[in-house]
Amino acid sequence: MIYHKDEELVIRNMEEADAQIFTDEYTAQGWHPDVDYYLMRIREQAEGKCVALTAEYRGCPAGSVYVYLAADGGPFKGTGWPIIVDFGVLKKYQRKGIGNRLMDVAERIAGQYADTICLGVGLCREYGSAQRMYAKRGYIPDGSGVWYQDKQCVQYETVCTVDDDLVLYMAKDLRKA
């Protein structure tokens, strides 16, 4: 399914061929993804658990995001709110508006299921641009503090590893968008 199309950008459901492309492109950026990760997301889309989106810039997969129809962990578990998972745009395609357009589509999809959307964002500097983008888009911290590996951190607790599992959860009221 195509959700957006203009002269340079198409936002569509993720396809199996995207899995290897994203694996190769992120590996070239110094990350080490597994093609099975993307295939799992595509499978979960087929099962109706999420909508897996690919942003294609000038014919090349440039970014992706997954909209799970109900958060199944963190502070939003049981709310029935859709959750944004693993939003990303490849470095060579950043600063072209692709991320904002991808989030526009993700929020529009989420709005079909609830009035609120949520997400968790990493706390290390590598997520700084995403943190700023979410704040500009109206996402606010939920007030539950920092979470690590799906467990709420306790004040004065030592979290030894600052990795992708150290997150701050945020939500946005889609009625105010």
N, C-alpha and C. Protein backbone atom coordinates (compact mmCIF):
# COMPACT_ATOMS: atom_id res chain seq x y z
N MET A 1 0.84 -1.18 0.00
CA MET A 1 0.00 0.00 0.00
C MET A 1 0.88 1.24 0.00
N ILE A 2 0.49 2.25 -0.74
CA ILE A 2 1.21 3.52 -0.78
C ILE A 2 0.43 4.54 0.05
N TYR A 3 1.13 5.20 0.98
CA TYR A 3 0.52 6.17 1.89
C TYR A 3 0.82 7.60 1.48
N HIS A 4 1.91 7.78 0.76
CA HIS A 4 2.31 9.12 0.31
C HIS A 4 3.13 8.96 -0.96
N LYS A 5 2.93 9.90 -1.87
CA LYS A 5 3.74 9.89 -3.10
C LYS A 5 3.86 11.31 -3.61
N ASP A 6 5.09 11.73 -3.86
CA ASP A 6 5.33 12.99 -4.55
C ASP A 6 6.49 12.76 -5.52
N GLU A 7 7.06 13.83 -6.05
CA GLU A 7 8.09 13.68 -7.09
C GLU A 7 9.32 12.90 -6.62
N GLU A 8 9.67 13.03 -5.33
CA GLU A 8 10.90 12.40 -4.85
C GLU A 8 10.67 11.28 -3.83
N LEU A 9 9.54 11.31 -3.16
CA LEU A 9 9.35 10.44 -2.01
C LEU A 9 8.08 9.60 -2.12
N VAL A 10 8.23 8.32 -1.83
CA VAL A 10 7.09 7.40 -1.73
C VAL A 10 7.18 6.76 -0.35
N ILE A 11 6.07 6.73 0.36
CA ILE A 11 6.01 6.02 1.63
C ILE A 11 5.01 4.89 1.45
N ARG A 12 5.50 3.68 1.67
CA ARG A 12 4.72 2.48 1.37
C ARG A 12 4.97 1.43 2.43
N ASN A 13 4.18 0.35 2.35
CA ASN A 13 4.44 -0.79 3.23
C ASN A 13 5.80 -1.38 2.90
N MET A 14 6.49 -1.82 3.92
CA MET A 14 7.78 -2.45 3.74
C MET A 14 7.60 -3.76 2.97
N GLU A 15 8.55 -4.03 2.11
CA GLU A 15 8.53 -5.24 1.29
C GLU A 15 9.75 -6.09 1.63
N GLU A 16 9.68 -7.37 1.32
CA GLU A 16 10.76 -8.29 1.65
C GLU A 16 12.10 -7.83 1.08
N ALA A 17 12.14 -7.28 -0.11
CA ALA A 17 13.39 -6.82 -0.72
C ALA A 17 14.05 -5.70 0.09
N ASP A 18 13.25 -4.94 0.82
CA ASP A 18 13.80 -3.85 1.65
C ASP A 18 14.70 -4.38 2.75
N ALA A 19 14.42 -5.58 3.24
CA ALA A 19 15.15 -6.13 4.38
C ALA A 19 16.65 -6.20 4.10
N GLN A 20 17.03 -6.72 2.96
CA GLN A 20 18.46 -6.84 2.65
C GLN A 20 19.07 -5.47 2.37
N ILE A 21 18.32 -4.59 1.73
CA ILE A 21 18.83 -3.25 1.45
C ILE A 21 19.13 -2.51 2.74
N PHE A 22 18.18 -2.52 3.68
CA PHE A 22 18.42 -1.84 4.96
C PHE A 22 19.56 -2.49 5.73
N THR A 23 19.63 -3.81 5.70
CA THR A 23 20.73 -4.51 6.38
C THR A 23 22.08 -4.05 5.81
N ASP A 24 22.20 -4.02 4.50
CA ASP A 24 23.45 -3.61 3.86
C ASP A 24 23.77 -2.14 4.13
N GLU A 25 22.77 -1.27 4.02
CA GLU A 25 23.00 0.17 4.20
C GLU A 25 23.38 0.49 5.65
N TYR A 26 22.70 -0.10 6.62
CA TYR A 26 23.05 0.17 8.02
C TYR A 26 24.39 -0.45 8.37
N THR A 27 24.74 -1.58 7.79
CA THR A 27 26.06 -2.17 8.01
C THR A 27 27.13 -1.21 7.50
N ALA A 28 26.90 -0.59 6.34
CA ALA A 28 27.84 0.38 5.78
C ALA A 28 28.00 1.60 6.69
N GLN A 29 26.98 1.90 7.49
CA GLN A 29 27.04 3.02 8.44
C GLN A 29 27.73 2.63 9.74
N GLY A 30 28.10 1.35 9.89
CA GLY A 30 28.79 0.91 11.10
C GLY A 30 27.91 0.18 12.09
N TRP A 31 26.64 -0.02 11.76
CA TRP A 31 25.75 -0.79 12.62
C TRP A 31 25.82 -2.24 12.16
N HIS A 32 25.25 -3.11 12.93
CA HIS A 32 25.31 -4.53 12.58
C HIS A 32 23.93 -5.17 12.69
N PRO A 33 23.00 -4.74 11.83
CA PRO A 33 21.65 -5.32 11.89
C PRO A 33 21.64 -6.72 11.27
N ASP A 34 20.59 -7.43 11.56
CA ASP A 34 20.39 -8.77 11.02
C ASP A 34 19.18 -8.69 10.09
N VAL A 35 19.29 -9.26 8.90
CA VAL A 35 18.18 -9.23 7.95
C VAL A 35 16.92 -9.83 8.57
N ASP A 36 17.08 -10.77 9.49
CA ASP A 36 15.91 -11.40 10.12
C ASP A 36 15.09 -10.40 10.93
N TYR A 37 15.74 -9.35 11.43
CA TYR A 37 15.02 -8.30 12.16
C TYR A 37 13.95 -7.67 11.25
N TYR A 38 14.33 -7.32 10.05
CA TYR A 38 13.39 -6.68 9.11
C TYR A 38 12.33 -7.68 8.64
N LEU A 39 12.74 -8.90 8.41
CA LEU A 39 11.79 -9.93 7.99
C LEU A 39 10.76 -10.19 9.09
N MET A 40 11.19 -10.11 10.37
CA MET A 40 10.25 -10.25 11.48
C MET A 40 9.21 -9.13 11.45
N ARG A 41 9.65 -7.90 11.21
CA ARG A 41 8.71 -6.77 11.15
C ARG A 41 7.72 -6.96 10.00
N ILE A 42 8.18 -7.43 8.87
CA ILE A 42 7.30 -7.67 7.73
C ILE A 42 6.30 -8.77 8.07
N ARG A 43 6.77 -9.80 8.75
CA ARG A 43 5.88 -10.90 9.18
C ARG A 43 4.83 -10.38 10.17
N GLU A 44 5.25 -9.54 11.11
CA GLU A 44 4.31 -8.99 12.09
C GLU A 44 3.29 -8.06 11.41
N GLN A 45 3.71 -7.40 10.34
CA GLN A 45 2.76 -6.61 9.55
C GLN A 45 1.72 -7.53 8.91
N ALA A 46 2.15 -8.64 8.35
CA ALA A 46 1.23 -9.60 7.73
C ALA A 46 0.26 -10.18 8.75
N GLU A 47 0.71 -10.28 10.01
CA GLU A 47 -0.14 -10.79 11.09
C GLU A 47 -1.08 -9.73 11.66
N GLY A 48 -0.95 -8.49 11.19
CA GLY A 48 -1.83 -7.40 11.66
C GLY A 48 -1.40 -6.75 12.95
N LYS A 49 -0.17 -7.00 13.40
CA LYS A 49 0.32 -6.41 14.65
C LYS A 49 0.85 -5.00 14.47
N CYS A 50 1.33 -4.71 13.26
CA CYS A 50 1.94 -3.40 13.02
C CYS A 50 1.78 -3.02 11.56
N VAL A 51 2.13 -1.78 11.29
CA VAL A 51 2.28 -1.31 9.92
C VAL A 51 3.76 -0.97 9.78
N ALA A 52 4.44 -1.67 8.89
CA ALA A 52 5.86 -1.45 8.64
C ALA A 52 5.99 -0.56 7.41
N LEU A 53 6.57 0.61 7.61
CA LEU A 53 6.66 1.60 6.54
C LEU A 53 8.08 1.77 6.03
N THR A 54 8.21 1.91 4.74
CA THR A 54 9.47 2.25 4.09
C THR A 54 9.29 3.58 3.37
N ALA A 55 10.24 4.49 3.60
CA ALA A 55 10.30 5.72 2.82
C ALA A 55 11.31 5.48 1.70
N GLU A 56 10.86 5.66 0.49
CA GLU A 56 11.69 5.45 -0.68
C GLU A 56 11.96 6.81 -1.32
N TYR A 57 13.24 7.22 -1.31
CA TYR A 57 13.63 8.51 -1.86
C TYR A 57 14.29 8.30 -3.22
N ARG A 58 13.67 8.88 -4.24
CA ARG A 58 14.17 8.74 -5.62
C ARG A 58 14.43 7.28 -5.97
N GLY A 59 13.51 6.42 -5.56
CA GLY A 59 13.57 5.00 -5.90
C GLY A 59 14.39 4.11 -4.98
N CYS A 60 15.01 4.70 -3.94
CA CYS A 60 15.86 3.91 -3.03
C CYS A 60 15.29 3.94 -1.62
N PRO A 61 15.19 2.78 -0.96
CA PRO A 61 14.77 2.78 0.44
C PRO A 61 15.70 3.67 1.26
N ALA A 62 15.10 4.62 1.97
CA ALA A 62 15.88 5.63 2.69
C ALA A 62 15.60 5.65 4.18
N GLY A 63 14.46 5.11 4.60
CA GLY A 63 14.12 5.14 6.01
C GLY A 63 12.95 4.24 6.28
N SER A 64 12.72 3.99 7.56
CA SER A 64 11.61 3.11 7.94
C SER A 64 11.11 3.45 9.34
N VAL A 65 9.93 2.96 9.62
CA VAL A 65 9.34 3.08 10.95
C VAL A 65 8.25 2.03 11.06
N TYR A 66 7.99 1.60 12.27
CA TYR A 66 6.96 0.59 12.53
C TYR A 66 5.94 1.18 13.48
N VAL A 67 4.68 1.07 13.13
CA VAL A 67 3.59 1.53 13.98
C VAL A 67 2.90 0.28 14.52
N TYR A 68 3.19 -0.03 15.78
CA TYR A 68 2.49 -1.15 16.42
C TYR A 68 1.17 -0.63 16.94
N LEU A 69 0.14 -1.41 16.71
CA LEU A 69 -1.22 -0.93 16.96
C LEU A 69 -1.56 -0.82 18.43
N ALA A 70 -0.78 -1.46 19.29
CA ALA A 70 -0.96 -1.32 20.74
C ALA A 70 0.37 -1.57 21.42
N ALA A 71 0.78 -0.65 22.29
CA ALA A 71 2.04 -0.81 23.02
C ALA A 71 1.95 -2.05 23.90
N ASP A 72 3.00 -2.87 23.87
CA ASP A 72 2.97 -4.08 24.68
C ASP A 72 4.03 -4.10 25.77
N GLY A 73 4.61 -2.95 26.05
CA GLY A 73 5.61 -2.84 27.10
C GLY A 73 5.75 -1.40 27.55
N GLY A 74 6.59 -1.19 28.53
CA GLY A 74 6.83 0.16 29.03
C GLY A 74 5.60 0.73 29.73
N PRO A 75 5.60 2.04 29.95
CA PRO A 75 4.51 2.65 30.70
C PRO A 75 3.17 2.68 29.96
N PHE A 76 3.18 2.41 28.66
CA PHE A 76 1.96 2.50 27.87
C PHE A 76 1.28 1.14 27.67
N LYS A 77 1.86 0.10 28.23
CA LYS A 77 1.27 -1.23 28.09
C LYS A 77 -0.16 -1.21 28.64
N GLY A 78 -1.07 -1.74 27.86
CA GLY A 78 -2.46 -1.81 28.30
C GLY A 78 -3.30 -0.59 28.01
N THR A 79 -2.71 0.47 27.44
CA THR A 79 -3.48 1.68 27.14
C THR A 79 -4.25 1.55 25.83
N GLY A 80 -3.79 0.65 24.98
CA GLY A 80 -4.37 0.54 23.64
C GLY A 80 -3.84 1.56 22.67
N TRP A 81 -2.83 2.32 23.10
CA TRP A 81 -2.25 3.34 22.23
C TRP A 81 -1.26 2.72 21.25
N PRO A 82 -1.28 3.16 20.02
CA PRO A 82 -0.23 2.74 19.07
C PRO A 82 1.12 3.28 19.52
N ILE A 83 2.17 2.53 19.17
CA ILE A 83 3.52 2.95 19.54
C ILE A 83 4.43 2.93 18.31
N ILE A 84 5.22 3.97 18.19
CA ILE A 84 6.23 4.09 17.14
C ILE A 84 7.46 3.30 17.60
N VAL A 85 7.97 2.45 16.72
CA VAL A 85 9.13 1.63 17.06
C VAL A 85 10.18 1.76 15.96
N ASP A 86 11.41 1.96 16.38
CA ASP A 86 12.58 1.94 15.50
C ASP A 86 12.46 2.84 14.27
N PHE A 87 12.16 4.09 14.51
CA PHE A 87 12.15 5.09 13.46
C PHE A 87 13.59 5.37 13.04
N GLY A 88 13.84 5.45 11.76
CA GLY A 88 15.19 5.79 11.31
C GLY A 88 15.25 6.18 9.85
N VAL A 89 16.17 7.06 9.55
CA VAL A 89 16.47 7.46 8.17
C VAL A 89 17.98 7.27 7.98
N LEU A 90 18.35 6.60 6.91
CA LEU A 90 19.77 6.40 6.63
C LEU A 90 20.50 7.74 6.56
N LYS A 91 21.72 7.78 7.07
CA LYS A 91 22.48 9.04 7.15
C LYS A 91 22.54 9.79 5.83
N LYS A 92 22.76 9.09 4.73
CA LYS A 92 22.92 9.79 3.45
C LYS A 92 21.63 10.43 2.95
N TYR A 93 20.50 10.12 3.60
CA TYR A 93 19.22 10.70 3.20
C TYR A 93 18.66 11.68 4.24
N GLN A 94 19.39 11.89 5.31
CA GLN A 94 18.90 12.79 6.35
C GLN A 94 18.93 14.24 5.90
N ARG A 95 18.13 15.07 6.55
CA ARG A 95 18.04 16.51 6.30
C ARG A 95 17.37 16.82 4.96
N LYS A 96 16.47 15.93 4.55
CA LYS A 96 15.71 16.13 3.31
C LYS A 96 14.20 16.14 3.58
N GLY A 97 13.81 16.12 4.86
CA GLY A 97 12.39 16.10 5.21
C GLY A 97 11.77 14.71 5.21
N ILE A 98 12.56 13.70 4.95
CA ILE A 98 12.03 12.34 4.88
C ILE A 98 11.50 11.88 6.23
N GLY A 99 12.24 12.15 7.29
CA GLY A 99 11.83 11.73 8.62
C GLY A 99 10.50 12.33 9.04
N ASN A 100 10.35 13.62 8.81
CA ASN A 100 9.08 14.27 9.18
C ASN A 100 7.92 13.72 8.36
N ARG A 101 8.15 13.48 7.10
CA ARG A 101 7.07 12.94 6.26
C ARG A 101 6.71 11.52 6.70
N LEU A 102 7.73 10.74 7.04
CA LEU A 102 7.51 9.38 7.53
C LEU A 102 6.71 9.42 8.83
N MET A 103 7.04 10.35 9.72
CA MET A 103 6.29 10.49 10.98
C MET A 103 4.87 10.99 10.72
N ASP A 104 4.68 11.87 9.73
CA ASP A 104 3.32 12.31 9.38
C ASP A 104 2.44 11.11 9.05
N VAL A 105 2.97 10.21 8.23
CA VAL A 105 2.21 9.03 7.82
C VAL A 105 1.98 8.12 9.01
N ALA A 106 3.01 7.89 9.83
CA ALA A 106 2.87 7.03 11.01
C ALA A 106 1.80 7.57 11.95
N GLU A 107 1.79 8.87 12.17
CA GLU A 107 0.80 9.48 13.06
C GLU A 107 -0.60 9.39 12.46
N ARG A 108 -0.70 9.55 11.17
CA ARG A 108 -2.01 9.43 10.51
C ARG A 108 -2.55 8.01 10.67
N ILE A 109 -1.70 7.02 10.51
CA ILE A 109 -2.11 5.63 10.70
C ILE A 109 -2.53 5.40 12.15
N ALA A 110 -1.71 5.86 13.09
CA ALA A 110 -2.02 5.69 14.52
C ALA A 110 -3.35 6.34 14.88
N GLY A 111 -3.62 7.49 14.28
CA GLY A 111 -4.86 8.21 14.56
C GLY A 111 -6.12 7.46 14.17
N GLN A 112 -5.97 6.43 13.35
CA GLN A 112 -7.11 5.58 13.00
C GLN A 112 -7.47 4.62 14.14
N TYR A 113 -6.57 4.49 15.12
CA TYR A 113 -6.76 3.53 16.21
C TYR A 113 -6.93 4.18 17.58
N ALA A 114 -6.39 5.39 17.76
CA ALA A 114 -6.45 6.04 19.07
C ALA A 114 -6.19 7.53 18.91
N ASP A 115 -6.47 8.28 19.97
CA ASP A 115 -6.23 9.72 19.98
C ASP A 115 -4.82 10.07 20.44
N THR A 116 -4.09 9.07 20.94
CA THR A 116 -2.74 9.29 21.46
C THR A 116 -1.79 8.27 20.85
N ILE A 117 -0.58 8.72 20.58
CA ILE A 117 0.49 7.85 20.08
C ILE A 117 1.67 7.99 21.04
N CYS A 118 2.44 6.92 21.16
CA CYS A 118 3.57 6.96 22.08
C CYS A 118 4.82 6.38 21.42
N LEU A 119 5.95 6.56 22.09
CA LEU A 119 7.23 6.06 21.60
C LEU A 119 8.24 6.09 22.73
N GLY A 120 9.34 5.38 22.54
CA GLY A 120 10.48 5.46 23.44
C GLY A 120 11.67 5.93 22.62
N VAL A 121 12.43 6.86 23.16
CA VAL A 121 13.59 7.38 22.43
C VAL A 121 14.85 7.15 23.25
N GLY A 122 15.91 6.72 22.56
CA GLY A 122 17.18 6.49 23.22
C GLY A 122 17.74 7.77 23.82
N LEU A 123 18.54 7.62 24.87
CA LEU A 123 19.05 8.78 25.59
C LEU A 123 20.48 9.16 25.26
N CYS A 124 21.18 8.36 24.48
CA CYS A 124 22.55 8.74 24.14
C CYS A 124 22.54 9.74 22.97
N ARG A 125 23.66 10.38 22.75
CA ARG A 125 23.72 11.48 21.77
C ARG A 125 23.37 11.04 20.35
N GLU A 126 23.55 9.76 20.04
CA GLU A 126 23.21 9.27 18.71
C GLU A 126 21.72 9.46 18.41
N TYR A 127 20.91 9.65 19.42
CA TYR A 127 19.48 9.86 19.25
C TYR A 127 19.09 11.34 19.42
N GLY A 128 20.08 12.21 19.48
CA GLY A 128 19.81 13.63 19.70
C GLY A 128 18.90 14.25 18.66
N SER A 129 19.11 13.94 17.39
CA SER A 129 18.26 14.54 16.35
C SER A 129 16.83 14.00 16.47
N ALA A 130 16.67 12.73 16.81
CA ALA A 130 15.32 12.18 16.99
C ALA A 130 14.66 12.82 18.21
N GLN A 131 15.40 13.00 19.29
CA GLN A 131 14.85 13.65 20.49
C GLN A 131 14.31 15.04 20.16
N ARG A 132 15.11 15.82 19.42
CA ARG A 132 14.68 17.17 19.04
C ARG A 132 13.46 17.14 18.11
N MET A 133 13.47 16.21 17.15
CA MET A 133 12.35 16.12 16.22
C MET A 133 11.06 15.78 16.96
N TYR A 134 11.13 14.82 17.88
CA TYR A 134 9.92 14.43 18.62
C TYR A 134 9.38 15.61 19.43
N ALA A 135 10.28 16.36 20.08
CA ALA A 135 9.83 17.52 20.86
C ALA A 135 9.17 18.56 19.94
N LYS A 136 9.77 18.83 18.79
CA LYS A 136 9.19 19.79 17.85
C LYS A 136 7.84 19.33 17.33
N ARG A 137 7.63 18.02 17.27
CA ARG A 137 6.37 17.46 16.76
C ARG A 137 5.30 17.38 17.85
N GLY A 138 5.64 17.76 19.08
CA GLY A 138 4.63 17.78 20.15
C GLY A 138 4.64 16.60 21.09
N TYR A 139 5.63 15.74 21.01
CA TYR A 139 5.74 14.63 21.95
C TYR A 139 6.29 15.16 23.27
N ILE A 140 5.72 14.69 24.37
CA ILE A 140 6.20 15.11 25.69
C ILE A 140 6.49 13.86 26.53
N PRO A 141 7.49 13.96 27.42
CA PRO A 141 7.77 12.82 28.29
C PRO A 141 6.54 12.45 29.11
N ASP A 142 6.36 11.17 29.34
CA ASP A 142 5.17 10.70 30.05
C ASP A 142 5.28 10.86 31.56
N GLY A 143 6.48 11.17 32.07
CA GLY A 143 6.66 11.38 33.50
C GLY A 143 7.08 10.14 34.27
N SER A 144 7.27 9.02 33.59
CA SER A 144 7.66 7.80 34.30
C SER A 144 9.17 7.65 34.44
N GLY A 145 9.92 8.63 33.96
CA GLY A 145 11.37 8.58 34.09
C GLY A 145 12.03 7.72 33.03
N VAL A 146 13.22 7.29 33.33
CA VAL A 146 14.04 6.52 32.40
C VAL A 146 13.75 5.03 32.56
N TRP A 147 13.78 4.33 31.43
CA TRP A 147 13.56 2.88 31.43
C TRP A 147 14.77 2.21 30.81
N TYR A 148 15.09 1.02 31.32
CA TYR A 148 16.18 0.24 30.75
C TYR A 148 15.72 -1.20 30.59
N GLN A 149 15.83 -1.71 29.37
CA GLN A 149 15.40 -3.07 29.03
C GLN A 149 13.99 -3.35 29.54
N ASP A 150 13.09 -2.40 29.24
CA ASP A 150 11.67 -2.48 29.56
C ASP A 150 11.36 -2.52 31.06
N LYS A 151 12.29 -1.99 31.87
CA LYS A 151 12.05 -1.86 33.32
C LYS A 151 12.30 -0.42 33.71
N GLN A 152 11.41 0.11 34.54
CA GLN A 152 11.53 1.49 34.99
C GLN A 152 12.72 1.60 35.94
N CYS A 153 13.59 2.58 35.69
CA CYS A 153 14.74 2.80 36.56
C CYS A 153 14.29 3.48 37.85
N VAL A 154 15.01 3.18 38.89
CA VAL A 154 14.70 3.73 40.22
C VAL A 154 15.76 4.78 40.53
N GLN A 155 15.34 5.84 41.23
CA GLN A 155 16.28 6.90 41.57
C GLN A 155 17.50 6.32 42.30
N TYR A 156 18.66 6.80 41.94
CA TYR A 156 19.97 6.41 42.46
C TYR A 156 20.40 5.01 42.03
N GLU A 157 19.62 4.38 41.18
CA GLU A 157 20.00 3.08 40.65
C GLU A 157 21.11 3.29 39.62
N THR A 158 22.05 2.39 39.55
CA THR A 158 23.12 2.46 38.58
C THR A 158 22.72 1.69 37.33
N VAL A 159 22.74 2.38 36.21
CA VAL A 159 22.52 1.74 34.91
C VAL A 159 23.88 1.71 34.25
N CYS A 160 24.41 0.54 34.08
CA CYS A 160 25.80 0.40 33.64
C CYS A 160 26.03 0.61 32.15
N THR A 161 25.04 0.31 31.33
CA THR A 161 25.24 0.37 29.90
C THR A 161 24.32 1.42 29.28
N VAL A 162 24.91 2.39 28.60
CA VAL A 162 24.11 3.36 27.87
C VAL A 162 24.04 2.85 26.44
N ASP A 163 22.93 2.17 26.13
CA ASP A 163 22.76 1.59 24.82
C ASP A 163 21.33 1.86 24.33
N ASP A 164 20.92 1.19 23.29
CA ASP A 164 19.61 1.42 22.70
C ASP A 164 18.46 1.08 23.64
N ASP A 165 18.73 0.35 24.71
CA ASP A 165 17.68 -0.05 25.64
C ASP A 165 17.43 0.97 26.75
N LEU A 166 18.22 2.03 26.82
CA LEU A 166 18.01 3.10 27.80
C LEU A 166 17.16 4.17 27.12
N VAL A 167 15.89 4.28 27.53
CA VAL A 167 14.95 5.14 26.81
C VAL A 167 14.12 6.02 27.74
N LEU A 168 13.61 7.06 27.14
CA LEU A 168 12.62 7.94 27.75
C LEU A 168 11.36 7.78 26.91
N TYR A 169 10.24 7.50 27.58
CA TYR A 169 8.98 7.35 26.84
C TYR A 169 8.28 8.69 26.72
N MET A 170 7.65 8.88 25.57
CA MET A 170 6.97 10.13 25.26
C MET A 170 5.63 9.81 24.59
N ALA A 171 4.72 10.76 24.67
CA ALA A 171 3.42 10.58 24.03
C ALA A 171 2.99 11.89 23.38
N LYS A 172 2.04 11.76 22.44
CA LYS A 172 1.51 12.92 21.74
C LYS A 172 0.01 12.75 21.61
N ASP A 173 -0.72 13.80 21.93
CA ASP A 173 -2.17 13.82 21.73
C ASP A 173 -2.41 14.19 20.27
N LEU A 174 -2.90 13.25 19.51
CA LEU A 174 -3.10 13.47 18.08
C LEU A 174 -4.26 14.41 17.78
N ARG A 175 -5.12 14.66 18.74
CA ARG A 175 -6.23 15.60 18.53
C ARG A 175 -5.73 17.04 18.48
N LYS A 176 -4.57 17.29 19.06
CA LYS A 176 -4.00 18.63 19.09
C LYS A 176 -3.06 18.89 17.92
N ALA A 177 -2.87 17.88 17.11
CA ALA A 177 -1.90 17.99 15.99
C ALA A 177 -2.43 18.87 14.89
